[in-house]
Amino acid sequence: MENSRNKSESEKLELVNQFFNQTPFVSDMEHWGKEDYWATPIEMLATSGGDCEDFAIGKYFTLVQMGVPIKKLQITYVKAMNWNPINQAHMVLAYYQTPDAIPNILDNLIPEIKPATRRKDLTPVYSFNGDGLWLAKERGLGKNVGGSSRIKLWTDLSSRMGKETDDQHP
């Protein structure tokens, strides 16, 4: 991935989406023995598996490392309508070319990156990144409701990410 820093953002999105989507899906209960656990990208790759939020988180942090601005990326909690079980909770990564653009969706359920307008199977609930938290009013629009620190699993993940970085750079 380090060799990809000079590629266009769309090329980075494709590379990262393809890379992470090769990883097997494993539920948190099966993988970690917990109902819900947000793995760091290193944990996901080192244990060869993850669930939907692990895919979205891995893609998010990898794209940020590759130089994609945080303001263009939002991890988005959605209801997935046409999957089993119906209306299952799901997470994807949304990429906004510009602040008011229709986001492109990076998802582990399908290999193609598609605009949100072509993902009628997903209903956004809220989204977040390192800069904020938004409640979805309608597809592609949201109301800022504060910092992402309000999400406990994100705070725990961010803390573990900091420790992994410290361990790699003594």
Protein backbone atom coordinates (compact mmCIF):
# COMPACT_ATOMS: atom_id res chain seq x y z
CA MET A 1 0.00 0.00 0.00
CA GLU A 2 2.91 2.37 0.71
CA ASN A 3 3.77 2.37 -3.03
CA SER A 4 0.26 3.68 -3.74
CA ARG A 5 0.59 7.13 -2.13
CA ASN A 6 1.06 8.80 -5.55
CA LYS A 7 -2.00 7.19 -7.13
CA SER A 8 -5.27 9.09 -7.65
CA GLU A 9 -7.88 8.92 -4.89
CA SER A 10 -10.13 6.73 -7.05
CA GLU A 11 -7.24 4.30 -7.62
CA LYS A 12 -6.55 4.24 -3.87
CA LEU A 13 -10.22 3.49 -3.17
CA GLU A 14 -10.19 0.56 -5.60
CA LEU A 15 -6.92 -0.87 -4.26
CA VAL A 16 -7.98 -0.64 -0.62
CA ASN A 17 -11.49 -1.98 -1.26
CA GLN A 18 -10.13 -4.98 -3.19
CA PHE A 19 -7.40 -5.63 -0.62
CA PHE A 20 -9.70 -5.73 2.42
CA ASN A 21 -12.54 -7.53 0.64
CA GLN A 22 -10.23 -10.56 0.22
CA THR A 23 -10.34 -11.05 3.99
CA PRO A 24 -12.90 -13.62 5.21
CA PHE A 25 -16.02 -12.44 7.04
CA VAL A 26 -16.09 -13.72 10.64
CA SER A 27 -18.70 -12.62 13.19
CA ASP A 28 -17.47 -10.93 16.37
CA MET A 29 -18.93 -13.72 18.53
CA GLU A 30 -17.08 -16.39 16.56
CA HIS A 31 -13.89 -14.35 16.20
CA TRP A 32 -13.56 -12.52 19.52
CA GLY A 33 -16.15 -14.18 21.77
CA LYS A 34 -17.96 -10.84 22.13
CA GLU A 35 -21.24 -9.49 20.80
CA ASP A 36 -19.52 -6.44 19.30
CA TYR A 37 -15.80 -5.72 18.95
CA TRP A 38 -14.21 -3.18 16.62
CA ALA A 39 -10.85 -4.60 15.54
CA THR A 40 -7.93 -2.47 14.47
CA PRO A 41 -6.72 -3.10 10.91
CA ILE A 42 -3.68 -4.94 12.32
CA GLU A 43 -5.91 -7.17 14.49
CA MET A 44 -8.18 -7.91 11.52
CA LEU A 45 -5.33 -8.82 9.17
CA ALA A 46 -3.27 -10.69 11.79
CA THR A 47 -6.25 -12.91 12.66
CA SER A 48 -7.41 -13.28 9.02
CA GLY A 49 -10.97 -12.14 9.49
CA GLY A 50 -13.43 -9.50 10.53
CA ASP A 51 -17.01 -8.35 10.34
CA CYS A 52 -18.51 -5.37 8.54
CA GLU A 53 -17.25 -2.65 10.88
CA ASP A 54 -13.74 -4.13 10.77
CA PHE A 55 -13.78 -3.88 6.97
CA ALA A 56 -14.99 -0.25 7.10
CA ILE A 57 -12.45 0.67 9.81
CA GLY A 58 -9.58 -1.03 7.97
CA LYS A 59 -10.43 0.78 4.75
CA TYR A 60 -10.79 4.11 6.57
CA PHE A 61 -7.44 4.02 8.37
CA THR A 62 -5.60 2.65 5.32
CA LEU A 63 -6.94 5.40 3.05
CA VAL A 64 -6.02 8.04 5.64
CA GLN A 65 -2.48 6.55 5.76
CA MET A 66 -2.38 6.80 1.95
CA GLY A 67 -3.15 10.51 2.09
CA VAL A 68 -6.92 10.67 1.59
CA PRO A 69 -8.20 13.52 3.81
CA ILE A 70 -10.31 12.46 6.80
CA LYS A 71 -12.98 14.99 5.80
CA LYS A 72 -13.70 12.88 2.67
CA LEU A 73 -14.29 9.65 4.61
CA GLN A 74 -17.14 8.62 6.91
CA ILE A 75 -17.72 5.23 8.47
CA THR A 76 -21.47 4.81 8.07
CA TYR A 77 -23.85 2.67 10.10
CA VAL A 78 -26.67 1.52 7.83
CA LYS A 79 -29.59 -0.87 7.72
CA ALA A 80 -28.96 -3.41 4.95
CA MET A 81 -32.40 -4.16 3.50
CA ASN A 82 -31.97 -7.01 1.01
CA TRP A 83 -29.61 -9.22 2.97
CA ASN A 84 -30.25 -12.05 5.39
CA PRO A 85 -31.43 -11.23 8.00
CA ILE A 86 -33.58 -8.45 6.55
CA ASN A 87 -32.79 -4.97 7.92
CA GLN A 88 -29.55 -6.13 9.47
CA ALA A 89 -27.22 -3.60 11.07
CA HIS A 90 -24.23 -3.06 8.80
CA MET A 91 -21.28 -0.68 8.36
CA VAL A 92 -19.71 0.67 5.20
CA LEU A 93 -17.20 3.35 4.32
CA ALA A 94 -18.50 6.42 2.47
CA TYR A 95 -16.12 8.53 0.36
CA TYR A 96 -17.13 12.10 -0.51
CA GLN A 97 -15.22 13.57 -3.49
CA THR A 98 -16.46 17.00 -2.36
CA PRO A 99 -18.40 17.97 0.80
CA ASP A 100 -21.76 18.08 -1.03
CA ALA A 101 -21.14 15.13 -3.38
CA ILE A 102 -23.11 11.90 -3.37
CA PRO A 103 -20.76 9.51 -1.53
CA ASN A 104 -19.26 6.40 -3.08
CA ILE A 105 -19.77 3.32 -0.89
CA LEU A 106 -17.03 0.82 -0.09
CA ASP A 107 -18.70 -2.32 1.23
CA ASN A 108 -17.64 -5.86 2.05
CA LEU A 109 -20.99 -7.26 0.82
CA ILE A 110 -20.33 -6.36 -2.81
CA PRO A 111 -16.97 -5.94 -4.59
CA GLU A 112 -17.84 -2.82 -6.61
CA ILE A 113 -17.64 0.72 -5.29
CA LYS A 114 -20.97 2.36 -6.11
CA PRO A 115 -22.54 5.77 -5.50
CA ALA A 116 -24.97 5.80 -2.57
CA THR A 117 -27.80 6.52 -5.04
CA ARG A 118 -27.17 3.06 -6.55
CA ARG A 119 -27.26 1.34 -3.14
CA LYS A 120 -31.01 1.34 -2.53
CA ASP A 121 -30.44 -1.67 -0.25
CA LEU A 122 -28.73 0.57 2.35
CA THR A 123 -30.49 3.05 4.64
CA PRO A 124 -28.03 5.31 6.50
CA VAL A 125 -28.54 5.81 10.24
CA TYR A 126 -25.41 7.69 11.35
CA SER A 127 -21.85 8.26 10.21
CA PHE A 128 -18.62 9.34 11.82
CA ASN A 129 -14.92 9.87 11.34
CA GLY A 130 -12.08 11.26 13.45
CA ASP A 131 -13.63 14.72 13.17
CA GLY A 132 -17.30 14.24 13.98
CA LEU A 133 -20.56 12.34 14.25
CA TRP A 134 -23.59 12.86 11.99
CA LEU A 135 -27.17 11.59 12.18
CA ALA A 136 -28.60 10.77 8.77
CA LYS A 137 -31.60 12.87 7.73
CA GLU A 138 -31.71 11.42 4.26
CA ARG A 139 -29.36 9.63 1.89
CA GLY A 140 -26.16 11.67 1.58
CA LEU A 141 -27.17 14.38 4.06
CA GLY A 142 -26.72 14.47 7.80
CA LYS A 143 -26.86 16.66 10.87
CA ASN A 144 -23.63 17.07 12.83
CA VAL A 145 -24.32 16.02 16.42
CA GLY A 146 -20.85 16.41 17.91
CA GLY A 147 -17.62 14.51 18.15
CA SER A 148 -17.03 10.86 17.37
CA SER A 149 -15.78 10.45 20.96
CA ARG A 150 -19.47 9.92 21.83
CA ILE A 151 -19.15 6.41 20.34
CA LYS A 152 -17.54 4.21 23.01
CA LEU A 153 -16.35 1.49 20.59
CA TRP A 154 -14.66 4.19 18.45
CA THR A 155 -12.94 5.64 21.52
CA ASP A 156 -11.73 2.16 22.55
CA LEU A 157 -10.53 1.45 19.00
CA SER A 158 -8.72 4.80 18.77
CA SER A 159 -6.93 4.04 22.04
CA ARG A 160 -5.79 0.62 20.76
CA MET A 161 -4.72 2.19 17.45
CA GLY A 162 -2.51 4.61 19.40
CA LYS A 163 -0.91 1.73 21.30
CA GLU A 164 -0.23 -0.17 18.05
CA THR A 165 1.44 2.93 16.60
CA ASP A 166 3.52 3.36 19.77
CA ASP A 167 4.56 -0.32 19.64
CA GLN A 168 5.74 0.06 16.03
CA HIS A 169 7.78 3.21 16.80
CA PRO A 170 9.62 2.70 20.11
